[in-house]
Amino acid sequence: MVTVRLPDQMEAQLQALSEMQNSTKTDIIRSALAEYLEKHLREKNPFELGKDLFGRYGSGDTDRSVSYKARVKKILNEKHAH
């Protein structure tokens, strides 16, 4: 069980809303909290947000991070081959 203390103005607004909707304050708070939790628990981390963009404008080489030494060696050999 959880107890929540609300400022007087918020309590009055909640009371008015519960009367307008013919609902209990508990039902309104429960619904609002469920919506809040759903929104915040499904938020994506930065990696998930950018996942579709990573490599989108790349060179097309899927092994660039693995083959960089070979590429550098090739460039140096071509540059210094006389």
C-alpha atoms as a PDB file:
ATOM      1  CA  MET A   1       0.000   0.000   0.000  1.00  0.00           C
ATOM      2  CA  VAL A   2       1.202   3.507  -0.810  1.00  0.00           C
ATOM      3  CA  THR A   3       0.097   6.783   0.714  1.00  0.00           C
ATOM      4  CA  VAL A   4       0.511   9.982  -1.274  1.00  0.00           C
ATOM      5  CA  ARG A   5       0.191  13.502   0.070  1.00  0.00           C
ATOM      6  CA  LEU A   6      -1.043  16.042  -2.445  1.00  0.00           C
ATOM      7  CA  PRO A   7      -1.022  19.834  -2.318  1.00  0.00           C
ATOM      8  CA  ASP A   8      -4.428  21.270  -1.425  1.00  0.00           C
ATOM      9  CA  GLN A   9      -5.034  22.627  -4.925  1.00  0.00           C
ATOM     10  CA  MET A  10      -4.246  19.279  -6.550  1.00  0.00           C
ATOM     11  CA  GLU A  11      -6.485  17.491  -4.054  1.00  0.00           C
ATOM     12  CA  ALA A  12      -9.346  19.872  -4.901  1.00  0.00           C
ATOM     13  CA  GLN A  13      -8.807  19.344  -8.644  1.00  0.00           C
ATOM     14  CA  LEU A  14      -8.749  15.596  -8.161  1.00  0.00           C
ATOM     15  CA  GLN A  15     -11.947  15.745  -6.132  1.00  0.00           C
ATOM     16  CA  ALA A  16     -13.661  17.855  -8.801  1.00  0.00           C
ATOM     17  CA  LEU A  17     -12.525  15.507 -11.562  1.00  0.00           C
ATOM     18  CA  SER A  18     -13.726  12.446  -9.671  1.00  0.00           C
ATOM     19  CA  GLU A  19     -17.154  14.042  -9.270  1.00  0.00           C
ATOM     20  CA  MET A  20     -17.278  15.046 -12.956  1.00  0.00           C
ATOM     21  CA  GLN A  21     -16.332  11.549 -14.104  1.00  0.00           C
ATOM     22  CA  ASN A  22     -18.397   9.815 -11.437  1.00  0.00           C
ATOM     23  CA  SER A  23     -15.250   7.914 -10.475  1.00  0.00           C
ATOM     24  CA  THR A  24     -13.175   7.500  -7.357  1.00  0.00           C
ATOM     25  CA  LYS A  25      -9.982   9.419  -6.719  1.00  0.00           C
ATOM     26  CA  THR A  26      -8.222   6.073  -6.378  1.00  0.00           C
ATOM     27  CA  ASP A  27      -9.321   4.992  -9.859  1.00  0.00           C
ATOM     28  CA  ILE A  28      -8.121   8.265 -11.380  1.00  0.00           C
ATOM     29  CA  ILE A  29      -4.749   8.057  -9.624  1.00  0.00           C
ATOM     30  CA  ARG A  30      -4.359   4.375 -10.525  1.00  0.00           C
ATOM     31  CA  SER A  31      -5.110   5.113 -14.187  1.00  0.00           C
ATOM     32  CA  ALA A  32      -2.716   8.062 -14.300  1.00  0.00           C
ATOM     33  CA  LEU A  33       0.049   6.063 -12.627  1.00  0.00           C
ATOM     34  CA  ALA A  34      -0.441   3.130 -15.009  1.00  0.00           C
ATOM     35  CA  GLU A  35      -0.145   5.483 -17.988  1.00  0.00           C
ATOM     36  CA  TYR A  36       2.975   7.107 -16.511  1.00  0.00           C
ATOM     37  CA  LEU A  37       4.659   3.768 -15.823  1.00  0.00           C
ATOM     38  CA  GLU A  38       3.845   2.406 -19.270  1.00  0.00           C
ATOM     39  CA  LYS A  39       5.341   5.470 -20.920  1.00  0.00           C
ATOM     40  CA  HIS A  40       8.517   5.517 -18.867  1.00  0.00           C
ATOM     41  CA  LEU A  41       9.151   1.790 -18.795  1.00  0.00           C
ATOM     42  CA  ARG A  42       9.025   1.504 -22.576  1.00  0.00           C
ATOM     43  CA  GLU A  43      11.411   4.407 -23.195  1.00  0.00           C
ATOM     44  CA  LYS A  44      14.325   3.362 -25.321  1.00  0.00           C
ATOM     45  CA  ASN A  45      17.948   3.866 -24.412  1.00  0.00           C
ATOM     46  CA  PRO A  46      20.187   5.932 -26.727  1.00  0.00           C
ATOM     47  CA  PHE A  47      21.434   2.850 -28.591  1.00  0.00           C
ATOM     48  CA  GLU A  48      17.902   1.651 -29.348  1.00  0.00           C
ATOM     49  CA  LEU A  49      16.911   5.130 -30.547  1.00  0.00           C
ATOM     50  CA  GLY A  50      19.745   5.310 -33.076  1.00  0.00           C
ATOM     51  CA  LYS A  51      19.952   1.642 -34.030  1.00  0.00           C
ATOM     52  CA  ASP A  52      18.282   2.192 -37.411  1.00  0.00           C
ATOM     53  CA  LEU A  53      20.736   4.970 -38.286  1.00  0.00           C
ATOM     54  CA  PHE A  54      24.009   3.256 -37.404  1.00  0.00           C
ATOM     55  CA  GLY A  55      25.901   2.444 -40.579  1.00  0.00           C
ATOM     56  CA  ARG A  56      23.164   3.850 -42.758  1.00  0.00           C
ATOM     57  CA  TYR A  57      25.477   6.267 -44.551  1.00  0.00           C
ATOM     58  CA  GLY A  58      28.580   4.151 -44.261  1.00  0.00           C
ATOM     59  CA  SER A  59      30.951   2.856 -46.857  1.00  0.00           C
ATOM     60  CA  GLY A  60      29.214  -0.455 -47.245  1.00  0.00           C
ATOM     61  CA  ASP A  61      32.205  -2.284 -45.771  1.00  0.00           C
ATOM     62  CA  THR A  62      30.750  -4.403 -43.030  1.00  0.00           C
ATOM     63  CA  ASP A  63      34.125  -5.322 -41.555  1.00  0.00           C
ATOM     64  CA  ARG A  64      35.816  -1.915 -41.402  1.00  0.00           C
ATOM     65  CA  SER A  65      36.590  -2.096 -37.717  1.00  0.00           C
ATOM     66  CA  VAL A  66      38.126  -5.553 -38.122  1.00  0.00           C
ATOM     67  CA  SER A  67      40.127  -4.979 -41.298  1.00  0.00           C
ATOM     68  CA  TYR A  68      41.534  -1.513 -40.592  1.00  0.00           C
ATOM     69  CA  LYS A  69      45.091  -2.794 -40.041  1.00  0.00           C
ATOM     70  CA  ALA A  70      45.136  -4.485 -43.436  1.00  0.00           C
ATOM     71  CA  ARG A  71      43.779  -1.339 -45.116  1.00  0.00           C
ATOM     72  CA  VAL A  72      46.391   0.879 -43.443  1.00  0.00           C
ATOM     73  CA  LYS A  73      49.165  -1.541 -44.372  1.00  0.00           C
ATOM     74  CA  LYS A  74      47.976  -1.580 -48.008  1.00  0.00           C
ATOM     75  CA  ILE A  75      47.875   2.230 -48.154  1.00  0.00           C
ATOM     76  CA  LEU A  76      51.364   2.515 -46.663  1.00  0.00           C
ATOM     77  CA  ASN A  77      52.749  -0.114 -49.038  1.00  0.00           C
ATOM     78  CA  GLU A  78      51.219   1.683 -52.040  1.00  0.00           C
ATOM     79  CA  LYS A  79      52.555   5.033 -50.824  1.00  0.00           C
ATOM     80  CA  HIS A  80      56.087   3.798 -50.232  1.00  0.00           C
ATOM     81  CA  ALA A  81      56.388   1.334 -53.124  1.00  0.00           C
ATOM     82  CA  HIS A  82      58.933   2.786 -55.517  1.00  0.00           C
END
